[in-house]
N, C-alpha and C. Protein backbone atom coordinates (compact mmCIF):
# COMPACT_ATOMS: atom_id res chain seq x y z
N MET A 1 11.44 11.84 33.36
CA MET A 1 12.39 10.86 32.87
C MET A 1 13.82 11.43 32.87
N TYR A 2 13.98 12.65 32.47
CA TYR A 2 15.30 13.26 32.38
C TYR A 2 15.52 14.29 33.48
N LYS A 3 14.90 14.08 34.64
CA LYS A 3 15.01 15.05 35.73
C LYS A 3 16.46 15.23 36.19
N THR A 4 17.21 14.14 36.30
CA THR A 4 18.59 14.22 36.76
C THR A 4 19.44 15.00 35.76
N ILE A 5 19.24 14.72 34.49
CA ILE A 5 20.01 15.42 33.45
C ILE A 5 19.62 16.90 33.44
N LYS A 6 18.35 17.19 33.60
CA LYS A 6 17.90 18.58 33.62
C LYS A 6 18.56 19.33 34.77
N LYS A 7 18.59 18.72 35.96
CA LYS A 7 19.24 19.35 37.11
C LYS A 7 20.72 19.58 36.83
N MET A 8 21.37 18.59 36.22
CA MET A 8 22.79 18.72 35.91
C MET A 8 23.02 19.84 34.89
N LEU A 9 22.16 19.93 33.89
CA LEU A 9 22.30 20.99 32.88
C LEU A 9 22.10 22.36 33.51
N ILE A 10 21.12 22.48 34.38
CA ILE A 10 20.87 23.76 35.04
C ILE A 10 22.06 24.15 35.92
N LYS A 11 22.61 23.18 36.66
CA LYS A 11 23.77 23.45 37.51
C LYS A 11 24.97 23.86 36.66
N THR A 12 25.22 23.15 35.58
CA THR A 12 26.33 23.48 34.68
C THR A 12 26.14 24.86 34.10
N ARG A 13 24.91 25.20 33.74
CA ARG A 13 24.59 26.52 33.18
C ARG A 13 24.92 27.61 34.19
N GLU A 14 24.50 27.41 35.44
CA GLU A 14 24.77 28.40 36.49
C GLU A 14 26.28 28.56 36.71
N GLU A 15 27.01 27.44 36.72
CA GLU A 15 28.46 27.50 36.91
C GLU A 15 29.14 28.24 35.77
N LEU A 16 28.68 27.99 34.54
CA LEU A 16 29.24 28.68 33.38
C LEU A 16 28.99 30.18 33.46
N LEU A 17 27.79 30.56 33.84
CA LEU A 17 27.47 31.97 33.97
C LEU A 17 28.34 32.64 35.03
N GLU A 18 28.56 31.94 36.14
CA GLU A 18 29.43 32.48 37.19
C GLU A 18 30.87 32.61 36.69
N GLU A 19 31.34 31.60 35.96
CA GLU A 19 32.71 31.63 35.43
C GLU A 19 32.88 32.77 34.42
N ILE A 20 31.90 32.95 33.56
CA ILE A 20 31.96 34.04 32.59
C ILE A 20 31.98 35.39 33.30
N ALA A 21 31.15 35.55 34.32
CA ALA A 21 31.10 36.80 35.08
C ALA A 21 32.44 37.04 35.79
N ARG A 22 33.02 35.99 36.39
CA ARG A 22 34.32 36.13 37.05
C ARG A 22 35.40 36.53 36.05
N SER A 23 35.38 35.89 34.91
CA SER A 23 36.37 36.17 33.88
C SER A 23 36.26 37.61 33.39
N ARG A 24 35.04 38.07 33.18
CA ARG A 24 34.83 39.45 32.74
C ARG A 24 35.32 40.44 33.78
N LYS A 25 35.06 40.14 35.05
CA LYS A 25 35.49 41.03 36.13
C LYS A 25 37.01 41.08 36.21
N MET A 26 37.65 39.91 36.10
CA MET A 26 39.12 39.87 36.14
C MET A 26 39.71 40.62 34.96
N GLU A 27 39.09 40.48 33.79
CA GLU A 27 39.58 41.18 32.60
C GLU A 27 39.44 42.69 32.77
N ALA A 28 38.33 43.12 33.33
CA ALA A 28 38.13 44.56 33.57
C ALA A 28 39.14 45.07 34.59
N ASP A 29 39.40 44.30 35.63
CA ASP A 29 40.38 44.69 36.64
C ASP A 29 41.78 44.77 36.03
N ASP A 30 42.11 43.82 35.14
CA ASP A 30 43.42 43.82 34.49
C ASP A 30 43.59 45.06 33.63
N LEU A 31 42.53 45.47 32.95
CA LEU A 31 42.63 46.66 32.11
C LEU A 31 42.87 47.91 32.95
N LYS A 32 42.28 47.96 34.12
CA LYS A 32 42.48 49.10 35.01
C LYS A 32 43.91 49.17 35.53
N ASN A 33 44.49 47.99 35.77
CA ASN A 33 45.82 47.93 36.40
C ASN A 33 46.95 47.76 35.39
N GLU A 34 46.68 47.96 34.13
CA GLU A 34 47.67 47.70 33.10
C GLU A 34 48.75 48.78 33.06
N ILE A 35 49.81 48.49 33.74
CA ILE A 35 50.99 49.35 33.72
C ILE A 35 52.18 48.40 33.59
N GLY A 36 53.12 48.74 32.73
CA GLY A 36 54.28 47.87 32.58
C GLY A 36 54.98 48.12 31.28
N ASP A 37 55.96 47.28 31.03
CA ASP A 37 56.75 47.43 29.82
C ASP A 37 56.12 46.68 28.65
N LEU A 38 56.84 46.64 27.56
CA LEU A 38 56.36 46.01 26.33
C LEU A 38 56.07 44.53 26.54
N TYR A 39 56.93 43.84 27.29
CA TYR A 39 56.73 42.41 27.53
C TYR A 39 55.47 42.16 28.35
N ASP A 40 55.25 43.00 29.34
CA ASP A 40 54.02 42.88 30.13
C ASP A 40 52.79 43.09 29.26
N SER A 41 52.86 44.08 28.38
CA SER A 41 51.72 44.36 27.49
C SER A 41 51.44 43.19 26.57
N ALA A 42 52.51 42.60 26.02
CA ALA A 42 52.34 41.45 25.14
C ALA A 42 51.77 40.27 25.90
N ASP A 43 52.26 40.07 27.11
CA ASP A 43 51.76 38.98 27.95
C ASP A 43 50.29 39.19 28.30
N ASN A 44 49.93 40.42 28.65
CA ASN A 44 48.54 40.74 28.97
C ASN A 44 47.63 40.54 27.76
N GLU A 45 48.11 40.94 26.59
CA GLU A 45 47.31 40.77 25.36
C GLU A 45 47.09 39.30 25.07
N ARG A 46 48.12 38.49 25.24
CA ARG A 46 47.99 37.05 25.02
C ARG A 46 46.96 36.46 25.99
N ASP A 47 47.03 36.88 27.24
CA ASP A 47 46.07 36.41 28.24
C ASP A 47 44.65 36.82 27.88
N ARG A 48 44.48 38.05 27.37
CA ARG A 48 43.15 38.53 26.98
C ARG A 48 42.60 37.70 25.81
N GLN A 49 43.48 37.41 24.84
CA GLN A 49 43.05 36.61 23.69
C GLN A 49 42.63 35.22 24.13
N LEU A 50 43.41 34.62 25.02
CA LEU A 50 43.07 33.30 25.53
C LEU A 50 41.75 33.35 26.28
N SER A 51 41.56 34.40 27.05
CA SER A 51 40.31 34.56 27.79
C SER A 51 39.11 34.67 26.85
N HIS A 52 39.28 35.41 25.75
CA HIS A 52 38.20 35.55 24.78
C HIS A 52 37.87 34.21 24.13
N ILE A 53 38.90 33.44 23.82
CA ILE A 53 38.69 32.12 23.22
C ILE A 53 37.91 31.23 24.18
N LEU A 54 38.34 31.24 25.44
CA LEU A 54 37.66 30.41 26.44
C LEU A 54 36.23 30.90 26.67
N ASN A 55 36.04 32.22 26.71
CA ASN A 55 34.69 32.76 26.88
C ASN A 55 33.80 32.39 25.71
N ASP A 56 34.35 32.39 24.51
CA ASP A 56 33.58 32.02 23.33
C ASP A 56 33.14 30.56 23.43
N ARG A 57 34.04 29.70 23.89
CA ARG A 57 33.68 28.28 24.09
C ARG A 57 32.58 28.16 25.13
N ASP A 58 32.73 28.92 26.23
CA ASP A 58 31.71 28.89 27.28
C ASP A 58 30.36 29.36 26.76
N ARG A 59 30.36 30.41 25.92
CA ARG A 59 29.11 30.91 25.37
C ARG A 59 28.46 29.85 24.46
N LYS A 60 29.27 29.19 23.66
CA LYS A 60 28.73 28.13 22.78
C LYS A 60 28.17 26.98 23.61
N LYS A 61 28.88 26.65 24.69
CA LYS A 61 28.39 25.59 25.57
C LYS A 61 27.09 26.01 26.25
N LEU A 62 27.01 27.27 26.64
CA LEU A 62 25.81 27.80 27.26
C LEU A 62 24.61 27.71 26.31
N ILE A 63 24.83 28.05 25.06
CA ILE A 63 23.77 27.95 24.05
C ILE A 63 23.34 26.50 23.89
N ALA A 64 24.31 25.59 23.84
CA ALA A 64 24.00 24.17 23.69
C ALA A 64 23.19 23.66 24.89
N ILE A 65 23.53 24.14 26.08
CA ILE A 65 22.77 23.74 27.28
C ILE A 65 21.35 24.27 27.21
N ASP A 66 21.19 25.53 26.84
CA ASP A 66 19.84 26.11 26.72
C ASP A 66 19.01 25.33 25.69
N GLU A 67 19.62 24.97 24.59
CA GLU A 67 18.90 24.20 23.57
C GLU A 67 18.52 22.81 24.10
N ALA A 68 19.41 22.19 24.88
CA ALA A 68 19.11 20.88 25.47
C ALA A 68 17.94 21.00 26.45
N LEU A 69 17.94 22.07 27.25
CA LEU A 69 16.83 22.28 28.18
C LEU A 69 15.51 22.48 27.44
N GLU A 70 15.56 23.18 26.30
CA GLU A 70 14.35 23.34 25.47
C GLU A 70 13.89 22.00 24.93
N ARG A 71 14.84 21.15 24.51
CA ARG A 71 14.46 19.83 23.98
C ARG A 71 13.85 18.96 25.07
N ILE A 72 14.33 19.10 26.30
CA ILE A 72 13.73 18.35 27.41
C ILE A 72 12.28 18.80 27.58
N GLU A 73 12.06 20.11 27.53
CA GLU A 73 10.71 20.65 27.72
C GLU A 73 9.75 20.23 26.60
N ASP A 74 10.25 20.22 25.35
CA ASP A 74 9.34 19.88 24.25
C ASP A 74 9.30 18.38 23.92
N GLY A 75 10.08 17.59 24.68
CA GLY A 75 10.03 16.14 24.51
C GLY A 75 10.91 15.57 23.42
N SER A 76 11.76 16.39 22.81
CA SER A 76 12.63 15.89 21.75
C SER A 76 14.05 15.59 22.23
N TYR A 77 14.26 15.70 23.54
CA TYR A 77 15.60 15.44 24.09
C TYR A 77 15.96 13.97 23.92
N GLY A 78 17.22 13.72 23.58
CA GLY A 78 17.70 12.35 23.46
C GLY A 78 17.48 11.75 22.09
N VAL A 79 16.98 12.57 21.14
CA VAL A 79 16.76 12.12 19.77
C VAL A 79 17.72 12.88 18.87
N CYS A 80 18.43 12.15 18.03
CA CYS A 80 19.40 12.76 17.12
C CYS A 80 18.68 13.68 16.14
N GLU A 81 19.17 14.90 16.03
CA GLU A 81 18.55 15.87 15.12
C GLU A 81 18.84 15.57 13.66
N GLU A 82 19.82 14.71 13.41
CA GLU A 82 20.17 14.38 12.03
C GLU A 82 19.40 13.17 11.51
N CYS A 83 19.47 12.06 12.25
CA CYS A 83 18.87 10.81 11.75
C CYS A 83 17.57 10.43 12.45
N GLY A 84 17.27 11.06 13.59
CA GLY A 84 16.03 10.78 14.30
C GLY A 84 16.09 9.58 15.23
N LYS A 85 17.25 8.93 15.32
CA LYS A 85 17.39 7.79 16.23
C LYS A 85 17.71 8.29 17.63
N LYS A 86 17.47 7.40 18.62
CA LYS A 86 17.77 7.76 20.00
C LYS A 86 19.28 7.88 20.21
N ILE A 87 19.67 8.88 20.97
CA ILE A 87 21.06 9.05 21.37
C ILE A 87 21.28 8.14 22.58
N THR A 88 22.38 7.41 22.59
CA THR A 88 22.61 6.45 23.67
C THR A 88 22.71 7.15 25.02
N PRO A 89 22.22 6.49 26.06
CA PRO A 89 22.30 7.07 27.40
C PRO A 89 23.74 7.38 27.82
N ASN A 90 24.70 6.54 27.43
CA ASN A 90 26.10 6.80 27.78
C ASN A 90 26.59 8.10 27.17
N ARG A 91 26.20 8.37 25.93
CA ARG A 91 26.60 9.64 25.29
C ARG A 91 25.97 10.82 26.02
N LEU A 92 24.72 10.67 26.41
CA LEU A 92 24.04 11.77 27.11
C LEU A 92 24.63 11.99 28.51
N LYS A 93 25.15 10.92 29.13
CA LYS A 93 25.81 11.08 30.42
C LYS A 93 27.09 11.89 30.27
N VAL A 94 27.84 11.58 29.20
CA VAL A 94 29.11 12.26 28.97
C VAL A 94 28.89 13.66 28.41
N MET A 95 27.93 13.79 27.51
CA MET A 95 27.67 15.05 26.82
C MET A 95 26.16 15.31 26.90
N PRO A 96 25.68 15.79 28.05
CA PRO A 96 24.23 15.91 28.25
C PRO A 96 23.53 16.88 27.30
N PHE A 97 24.29 17.73 26.62
CA PHE A 97 23.68 18.67 25.68
C PHE A 97 23.88 18.22 24.24
N ALA A 98 24.25 16.94 24.05
CA ALA A 98 24.44 16.41 22.70
C ALA A 98 23.13 16.43 21.93
N ASP A 99 23.19 16.84 20.67
CA ASP A 99 22.00 16.83 19.83
C ASP A 99 22.15 15.88 18.65
N LEU A 100 23.31 15.22 18.59
CA LEU A 100 23.56 14.24 17.53
C LEU A 100 24.05 12.94 18.15
N CYS A 101 23.69 11.82 17.54
CA CYS A 101 24.21 10.53 17.97
C CYS A 101 25.68 10.44 17.54
N VAL A 102 26.39 9.46 18.05
CA VAL A 102 27.82 9.33 17.75
C VAL A 102 28.08 9.17 16.25
N PRO A 103 27.37 8.27 15.55
CA PRO A 103 27.65 8.15 14.11
C PRO A 103 27.42 9.44 13.32
N CYS A 104 26.35 10.15 13.61
CA CYS A 104 26.07 11.41 12.90
C CYS A 104 27.11 12.48 13.25
N LYS A 105 27.51 12.56 14.52
CA LYS A 105 28.53 13.53 14.92
C LYS A 105 29.85 13.20 14.24
N SER A 106 30.17 11.92 14.17
CA SER A 106 31.40 11.49 13.51
C SER A 106 31.39 11.87 12.03
N ASP A 107 30.25 11.61 11.37
CA ASP A 107 30.12 11.98 9.95
C ASP A 107 30.27 13.48 9.76
N LEU A 108 29.65 14.25 10.64
CA LEU A 108 29.73 15.71 10.56
C LEU A 108 31.18 16.18 10.71
N GLU A 109 31.90 15.60 11.66
CA GLU A 109 33.29 15.99 11.87
C GLU A 109 34.15 15.61 10.67
N LYS A 110 33.88 14.45 10.08
CA LYS A 110 34.63 14.04 8.89
C LYS A 110 34.37 15.02 7.74
N GLN A 111 33.11 15.36 7.54
CA GLN A 111 32.76 16.31 6.47
C GLN A 111 33.39 17.67 6.74
N SER A 112 33.35 18.09 7.97
CA SER A 112 33.92 19.38 8.35
C SER A 112 35.42 19.36 8.11
N GLY A 113 36.08 18.27 8.45
CA GLY A 113 37.52 18.15 8.22
C GLY A 113 37.85 18.19 6.76
N GLN A 114 37.06 17.53 5.94
CA GLN A 114 37.29 17.55 4.50
C GLN A 114 37.05 18.95 3.95
N TYR A 115 36.03 19.61 4.44
CA TYR A 115 35.72 20.97 4.00
C TYR A 115 36.88 21.90 4.36
N ASN A 116 37.35 21.79 5.60
CA ASN A 116 38.46 22.65 6.04
C ASN A 116 39.71 22.38 5.22
N LYS A 117 39.98 21.11 4.93
CA LYS A 117 41.15 20.78 4.12
C LYS A 117 41.01 21.38 2.73
N ALA A 118 39.82 21.28 2.15
CA ALA A 118 39.59 21.84 0.82
C ALA A 118 39.75 23.36 0.84
N GLU A 119 39.27 24.01 1.90
CA GLU A 119 39.40 25.46 2.03
C GLU A 119 40.87 25.87 2.13
N GLU A 120 41.65 25.08 2.87
CA GLU A 120 43.07 25.38 3.03
C GLU A 120 43.80 25.26 1.70
N GLU A 121 43.42 24.27 0.88
CA GLU A 121 44.10 24.03 -0.38
C GLU A 121 43.56 24.90 -1.51
N ALA A 122 42.41 25.49 -1.33
CA ALA A 122 41.74 26.25 -2.40
C ALA A 122 42.61 27.33 -3.04
N PRO A 123 43.36 28.12 -2.30
CA PRO A 123 44.15 29.17 -2.95
C PRO A 123 45.21 28.62 -3.91
N TYR A 124 45.57 27.35 -3.74
CA TYR A 124 46.65 26.79 -4.55
C TYR A 124 46.17 25.86 -5.65
N LYS A 125 44.88 25.61 -5.74
CA LYS A 125 44.39 24.61 -6.67
C LYS A 125 44.61 25.00 -8.13
N ASN A 126 44.67 26.27 -8.46
CA ASN A 126 44.85 26.68 -9.85
C ASN A 126 46.29 27.02 -10.20
N LEU A 127 47.22 26.77 -9.29
CA LEU A 127 48.61 27.10 -9.55
C LEU A 127 49.23 26.23 -10.63
N ALA A 128 48.71 25.04 -10.84
CA ALA A 128 49.29 24.14 -11.85
C ALA A 128 49.17 24.73 -13.24
N GLY A 129 48.17 25.55 -13.49
CA GLY A 129 47.96 26.11 -14.82
C GLY A 129 48.64 27.44 -15.07
N ILE A 130 49.43 27.92 -14.13
CA ILE A 130 50.09 29.22 -14.28
C ILE A 130 51.29 29.09 -15.22
N ASP A 131 51.40 30.03 -16.10
CA ASP A 131 52.53 30.08 -17.03
C ASP A 131 53.73 30.65 -16.29
N THR A 132 54.72 29.82 -16.05
CA THR A 132 55.88 30.24 -15.26
C THR A 132 56.89 31.04 -16.07
N GLU A 133 56.76 31.06 -17.39
CA GLU A 133 57.71 31.79 -18.22
C GLU A 133 57.73 33.28 -17.89
N GLU A 134 56.58 33.84 -17.50
CA GLU A 134 56.53 35.27 -17.21
C GLU A 134 57.29 35.62 -15.93
N PHE A 135 57.60 34.59 -15.09
CA PHE A 135 58.36 34.84 -13.87
C PHE A 135 59.86 34.67 -14.08
N GLU A 136 60.25 34.07 -15.20
CA GLU A 136 61.66 33.83 -15.48
C GLU A 136 62.28 35.07 -16.10
N GLU A 137 63.53 35.29 -15.80
CA GLU A 137 64.23 36.44 -16.37
C GLU A 137 65.38 36.03 -17.20
């Protein structure tokens, strides 16, 4: 039933692995050839950081693809892991390694956004109760 999606996932997986290998090789070559002034070093460091961020995304995507392939094998592919409802075919076409339906993914992102906002504000939440007289001179 999901043969086309499985082929697409396998192809995407192979492409990701090739891209990660290419990126690692380029990074290793850059380290060997690193000669230059302070600006070159800063530029190279920025490029390395960007490369690590992109590689991290690729690794996460690779894990998601492997998990989707496992779900195809065990027959749970296309079922939302949160609510148990079928994931729409259109979502699976766009995001073949999706493990959540659109409503559940949306809810998760909203909760995550609220959590992140709360974490950002957390250091300041008790400032209202600080006695400011000790700071006055």
